[in-house]
Amino acid sequence: MPVTIDSRAHGGWRTASLTLGAMSVLVPAAFFTYMRVEFLHPNPSRDAEFCGMPLLGAIMLCFAVCFALSLFAGITGILSYLQLTAPRPLPRRLELIAVGSPAMAVFVIALAVAVLE
């Protein structure tokens, strides 16, 4: 099958979707790891006690970033998926589930927290 401009355009949305999907997990995880190391191992010269509120804020920020990036990954994946011809392959559907699952997980966690409060 020859590569045309049209097929490369579909690949652009798919590449953006997969990139955003990977970023939705890796960026918040790296940020939270960095913040956790900074908060749990404070500078001894400051002689300050540990407070968990900044760490809680970092967790909430990570959840928000994960949700937003995964949501955008799902939207771009859907745009790419809808541009395919009628017999759409099953692996592409599974890709959509994979890039959208972090957003769904964060939504379920937020809903559970709201209900249990």
Protein backbone atom coordinates (compact mmCIF):
# COMPACT_ATOMS: atom_id res chain seq x y z
CA MET A 1 0.00 0.00 0.00
CA PRO A 2 1.58 3.30 -1.06
CA VAL A 3 1.92 6.04 1.52
CA THR A 4 -0.08 9.12 0.61
CA ILE A 5 -0.48 12.49 2.24
CA ASP A 6 -3.88 11.40 3.56
CA SER A 7 -2.53 8.29 5.28
CA ARG A 8 0.30 10.30 6.85
CA ALA A 9 -2.25 12.72 8.30
CA HIS A 10 -3.98 9.83 10.07
CA GLY A 11 -0.60 8.74 11.42
CA GLY A 12 -0.04 12.24 12.83
CA TRP A 13 -3.16 12.05 14.98
CA ARG A 14 -2.25 8.54 16.03
CA THR A 15 1.29 9.57 16.92
CA ALA A 16 -0.03 12.53 18.91
CA SER A 17 -2.46 10.24 20.70
CA LEU A 18 0.18 7.68 21.63
CA THR A 19 2.64 10.40 22.70
CA LEU A 20 0.05 12.11 24.89
CA GLY A 21 -1.01 8.74 26.28
CA ALA A 22 2.55 7.93 27.32
CA MET A 23 3.05 11.42 28.71
CA SER A 24 -0.15 11.13 30.76
CA VAL A 25 1.52 8.43 32.84
CA LEU A 26 5.22 9.29 32.70
CA VAL A 27 5.14 13.05 33.36
CA PRO A 28 3.00 12.93 36.53
CA ALA A 29 4.95 9.92 37.81
CA ALA A 30 8.29 11.67 37.32
CA PHE A 31 7.01 14.88 38.90
CA PHE A 32 5.56 13.07 41.91
CA THR A 33 8.76 11.06 42.39
CA TYR A 34 10.79 14.26 42.37
CA MET A 35 8.43 16.00 44.80
CA ARG A 36 8.33 12.98 47.12
CA VAL A 37 12.10 12.85 47.33
CA GLU A 38 12.23 16.58 48.03
CA PHE A 39 9.55 16.49 50.73
CA LEU A 40 10.56 13.28 52.51
CA HIS A 41 14.25 14.19 52.62
CA PRO A 42 14.21 17.85 53.65
CA ASN A 43 17.28 19.97 53.95
CA PRO A 44 18.66 19.48 57.48
CA SER A 45 19.95 23.04 57.61
CA ARG A 46 16.36 24.38 57.59
CA ASP A 47 15.46 22.46 60.79
CA ALA A 48 11.79 22.24 59.80
CA GLU A 49 9.22 19.60 60.59
CA PHE A 50 7.52 17.58 57.88
CA CYS A 51 4.05 18.60 56.76
CA GLY A 52 2.16 16.35 54.34
CA MET A 53 0.01 19.04 52.72
CA PRO A 54 2.52 19.92 49.94
CA LEU A 55 2.76 16.22 49.10
CA LEU A 56 -1.03 16.00 48.96
CA GLY A 57 -1.05 19.00 46.64
CA ALA A 58 1.53 17.28 44.42
CA ILE A 59 -0.67 14.17 44.27
CA MET A 60 -3.70 16.22 43.29
CA LEU A 61 -1.72 18.09 40.64
CA CYS A 62 -0.44 14.80 39.24
CA PHE A 63 -3.98 13.45 39.04
CA ALA A 64 -5.16 16.59 37.22
CA VAL A 65 -2.30 16.48 34.72
CA CYS A 66 -2.80 12.75 34.15
CA PHE A 67 -6.51 13.27 33.52
CA ALA A 68 -5.98 16.19 31.12
CA LEU A 69 -3.24 14.54 29.07
CA SER A 70 -5.12 11.26 28.86
CA LEU A 71 -8.31 13.04 27.85
CA PHE A 72 -6.50 14.85 25.03
CA ALA A 73 -4.85 11.57 24.03
CA GLY A 74 -8.28 9.93 23.82
CA ILE A 75 -9.72 12.79 21.76
CA THR A 76 -6.84 12.73 19.26
CA GLY A 77 -7.04 8.94 19.13
CA ILE A 78 -10.76 9.10 18.36
CA LEU A 79 -10.09 11.64 15.61
CA SER A 80 -7.54 9.29 14.07
CA TYR A 81 -9.81 6.27 14.50
CA LEU A 82 -12.81 7.92 12.86
CA GLN A 83 -10.76 8.78 9.76
CA LEU A 84 -10.08 5.10 9.05
CA THR A 85 -12.12 3.19 6.52
CA ALA A 86 -15.16 1.15 7.58
CA PRO A 87 -13.63 -2.17 8.70
CA ARG A 88 -11.66 -0.61 11.54
CA PRO A 89 -9.09 -2.93 13.13
CA LEU A 90 -9.50 -4.22 16.68
CA PRO A 91 -5.97 -3.24 17.81
CA ARG A 92 -6.84 0.41 17.15
CA ARG A 93 -9.85 0.09 19.46
CA LEU A 94 -7.61 -1.40 22.11
CA GLU A 95 -5.23 1.55 21.61
CA LEU A 96 -8.09 3.94 22.36
CA ILE A 97 -8.89 2.04 25.54
CA ALA A 98 -5.22 2.09 26.57
CA VAL A 99 -4.73 5.84 26.09
CA GLY A 100 -8.06 6.65 27.71
CA SER A 101 -7.72 4.36 30.72
CA PRO A 102 -5.65 6.79 32.86
CA ALA A 103 -8.40 9.42 32.51
CA MET A 104 -11.03 6.86 33.44
CA ALA A 105 -8.99 5.69 36.44
CA VAL A 106 -8.54 9.25 37.73
CA PHE A 107 -12.23 9.92 37.22
CA VAL A 108 -13.19 6.80 39.18
CA ILE A 109 -10.78 7.73 41.99
CA ALA A 110 -12.17 11.28 42.15
CA LEU A 111 -15.73 9.96 42.16
CA ALA A 112 -14.92 7.48 44.92
CA VAL A 113 -13.32 10.22 47.02
CA ALA A 114 -16.32 12.50 46.51
CA VAL A 115 -18.79 9.76 47.43
CA LEU A 116 -16.83 8.60 50.48
CA GLU A 117 -16.39 12.10 51.89
